[in-house]
C-alpha atoms as a PDB file:
ATOM      1  CA  MET A   1     -68.808 112.115 100.453  1.00  0.00           C
ATOM      2  CA  LYS A   2     -72.403 110.933 100.240  1.00  0.00           C
ATOM      3  CA  GLN A   3     -71.962 110.014  96.572  1.00  0.00           C
ATOM      4  CA  ASN A   4     -68.957 107.827  97.429  1.00  0.00           C
ATOM      5  CA  TRP A   5     -70.983 105.664  99.798  1.00  0.00           C
ATOM      6  CA  LYS A   6     -73.831 105.397  97.295  1.00  0.00           C
ATOM      7  CA  GLY A   7     -71.413 104.274  94.602  1.00  0.00           C
ATOM      8  CA  LEU A   8     -69.884 101.720  96.932  1.00  0.00           C
ATOM      9  CA  GLY A   9     -73.293 100.238  97.623  1.00  0.00           C
ATOM     10  CA  THR A  10     -74.339 100.303  94.000  1.00  0.00           C
ATOM     11  CA  TYR A  11     -71.161  99.035  92.361  1.00  0.00           C
ATOM     12  CA  GLY A  12     -69.579  97.149  95.261  1.00  0.00           C
ATOM     13  CA  THR A  13     -71.674  94.077  94.614  1.00  0.00           C
ATOM     14  CA  VAL A  14     -70.708  93.649  90.964  1.00  0.00           C
ATOM     15  CA  GLY A  15     -67.907  91.184  91.705  1.00  0.00           C
ATOM     16  CA  LEU A  16     -70.191  89.173  93.951  1.00  0.00           C
ATOM     17  CA  GLU A  17     -72.849  89.121  91.252  1.00  0.00           C
ATOM     18  CA  LEU A  18     -70.305  87.893  88.708  1.00  0.00           C
ATOM     19  CA  ALA A  19     -69.097  85.103  90.984  1.00  0.00           C
ATOM     20  CA  LEU A  20     -72.594  84.016  91.969  1.00  0.00           C
ATOM     21  CA  SER A  21     -73.750  83.935  88.332  1.00  0.00           C
ATOM     22  CA  VAL A  22     -70.868  81.644  87.375  1.00  0.00           C
ATOM     23  CA  LEU A  23     -71.361  79.414  90.421  1.00  0.00           C
ATOM     24  CA  PHE A  24     -75.116  79.179  89.838  1.00  0.00           C
ATOM     25  CA  GLY A  25     -74.626  78.193  86.190  1.00  0.00           C
ATOM     26  CA  LEU A  26     -72.019  75.603  87.157  1.00  0.00           C
ATOM     27  CA  PHE A  27     -74.210  74.228  89.952  1.00  0.00           C
ATOM     28  CA  VAL A  28     -77.282  73.874  87.742  1.00  0.00           C
ATOM     29  CA  GLY A  29     -75.188  72.304  84.985  1.00  0.00           C
ATOM     30  CA  SER A  30     -73.636  69.831  87.406  1.00  0.00           C
ATOM     31  CA  TRP A  31     -77.039  68.962  88.806  1.00  0.00           C
ATOM     32  CA  LEU A  32     -78.391  68.328  85.320  1.00  0.00           C
ATOM     33  CA  ASP A  33     -75.318  66.234  84.509  1.00  0.00           C
ATOM     34  CA  ARG A  34     -76.020  64.004  87.507  1.00  0.00           C
ATOM     35  CA  LYS A  35     -79.712  63.704  86.678  1.00  0.00           C
ATOM     36  CA  LEU A  36     -79.199  63.017  82.955  1.00  0.00           C
ATOM     37  CA  GLY A  37     -75.956  61.040  83.197  1.00  0.00           C
ATOM     38  CA  THR A  38     -74.028  63.408  80.939  1.00  0.00           C
ATOM     39  CA  HIS A  39     -70.687  65.134  81.372  1.00  0.00           C
ATOM     40  CA  TRP A  40     -70.961  68.303  79.284  1.00  0.00           C
ATOM     41  CA  ILE A  41     -73.942  70.268  80.619  1.00  0.00           C
ATOM     42  CA  ALA A  42     -71.861  71.703  83.492  1.00  0.00           C
ATOM     43  CA  LEU A  43     -69.617  73.401  80.936  1.00  0.00           C
ATOM     44  CA  VAL A  44     -72.650  74.875  79.200  1.00  0.00           C
ATOM     45  CA  GLY A  45     -73.985  76.066  82.546  1.00  0.00           C
ATOM     46  CA  PHE A  46     -70.612  77.588  83.357  1.00  0.00           C
ATOM     47  CA  GLY A  47     -70.668  79.375  79.998  1.00  0.00           C
ATOM     48  CA  PHE A  48     -74.156  80.749  80.544  1.00  0.00           C
ATOM     49  CA  GLY A  49     -73.256  81.813  84.078  1.00  0.00           C
ATOM     50  CA  LEU A  50     -70.139  83.540  82.830  1.00  0.00           C
ATOM     51  CA  ALA A  51     -72.119  85.310  80.105  1.00  0.00           C
ATOM     52  CA  ALA A  52     -74.719  86.467  82.644  1.00  0.00           C
ATOM     53  CA  GLY A  53     -71.977  87.712  84.980  1.00  0.00           C
ATOM     54  CA  VAL A  54     -70.190  89.612  82.225  1.00  0.00           C
ATOM     55  CA  ARG A  55     -73.520  91.125  81.147  1.00  0.00           C
ATOM     56  CA  SER A  56     -74.130  92.417  84.664  1.00  0.00           C
ATOM     57  CA  LEU A  57     -70.586  93.772  84.794  1.00  0.00           C
ATOM     58  CA  TRP A  58     -71.142  95.559  81.460  1.00  0.00           C
ATOM     59  CA  ARG A  59     -74.429  97.040  82.645  1.00  0.00           C
ATOM     60  CA  ALA A  60     -72.796  98.356  85.831  1.00  0.00           C
ATOM     61  CA  LEU A  61     -69.997  99.889  83.763  1.00  0.00           C
ATOM     62  CA  VAL A  62     -72.465 101.648  81.461  1.00  0.00           C
ATOM     63  CA  GLN A  63     -74.432 102.925  84.474  1.00  0.00           C
ATOM     64  CA  ALA A  64     -71.223 104.193  86.111  1.00  0.00           C
ATOM     65  CA  ASN A  65     -70.326 106.086  82.952  1.00  0.00           C
ATOM     66  CA  ARG A  66     -73.809 107.630  82.814  1.00  0.00           C
ATOM     67  CA  ASP A  67     -73.535 108.675  86.457  1.00  0.00           C
ATOM     68  CA  ALA A  68     -70.098 110.191  85.904  1.00  0.00           C
ATOM     69  CA  ASP A  69     -71.329 112.132  82.846  1.00  0.00           C
ATOM     70  CA  ARG A  70     -74.366 113.384  84.765  1.00  0.00           C
ATOM     71  CA  MET A  71     -72.223 114.523  87.691  1.00  0.00           C
ATOM     72  CA  ASP A  72     -69.814 116.220  85.291  1.00  0.00           C
ATOM     73  CA  GLN A  73     -72.670 118.120  83.634  1.00  0.00           C
ATOM     74  CA  GLU A  74     -74.021 119.177  87.036  1.00  0.00           C
ATOM     75  CA  GLU A  75     -70.579 120.370  88.076  1.00  0.00           C
ATOM     76  CA  LYS A  76     -70.149 122.385  84.873  1.00  0.00           C
ATOM     77  CA  LYS A  77     -73.565 123.945  85.353  1.00  0.00           C
ATOM     78  CA  ALA A  78     -72.786 124.864  88.959  1.00  0.00           C
ATOM     79  CA  ARG A  79     -69.409 126.310  87.938  1.00  0.00           C
ATOM     80  CA  LYS A  80     -71.042 128.488  85.252  1.00  0.00           C
ATOM     81  CA  LYS A  81     -73.640 129.692  87.711  1.00  0.00           C
ATOM     82  CA  PHE A  82     -70.970 130.507  90.311  1.00  0.00           C
ATOM     83  CA  ASP A  83     -68.835 132.357  87.784  1.00  0.00           C
ATOM     84  CA  GLY A  84     -71.835 134.420  86.657  1.00  0.00           C
ATOM     85  CA  ASP A  85     -71.763 133.188  83.066  1.00  0.00           C
ATOM     86  CA  ASP A  86     -75.254 131.715  83.331  1.00  0.00           C
ATOM     87  CA  PRO A  87     -77.906 134.065  81.947  1.00  0.00           C
ATOM     88  CA  ASP A  88     -80.616 132.184  83.914  1.00  0.00           C
ATOM     89  CA  ALA A  89     -78.867 132.961  87.222  1.00  0.00           C
ATOM     90  CA  ASP A  90     -80.600 136.369  87.580  1.00  0.00           C
END
């Protein structure tokens, strides 16, 4: 159960990070549009924010897969040790 709470804390903020990245990029782009008198920088900021958010989502997915593989390996090792198939168990 402890692992479930850790995962919730670690991966529960991914959606928030995605949304904040997009909003930050859009906000900075809009601010620059007002300062420079243009109308296209907000779209560029939105694009960069979206790219940053997707990157953070991808990194969280890769980390989740690594954690799942590590836990699977630990479970297999514990199962072998319990079944007595592990020569190092003596």
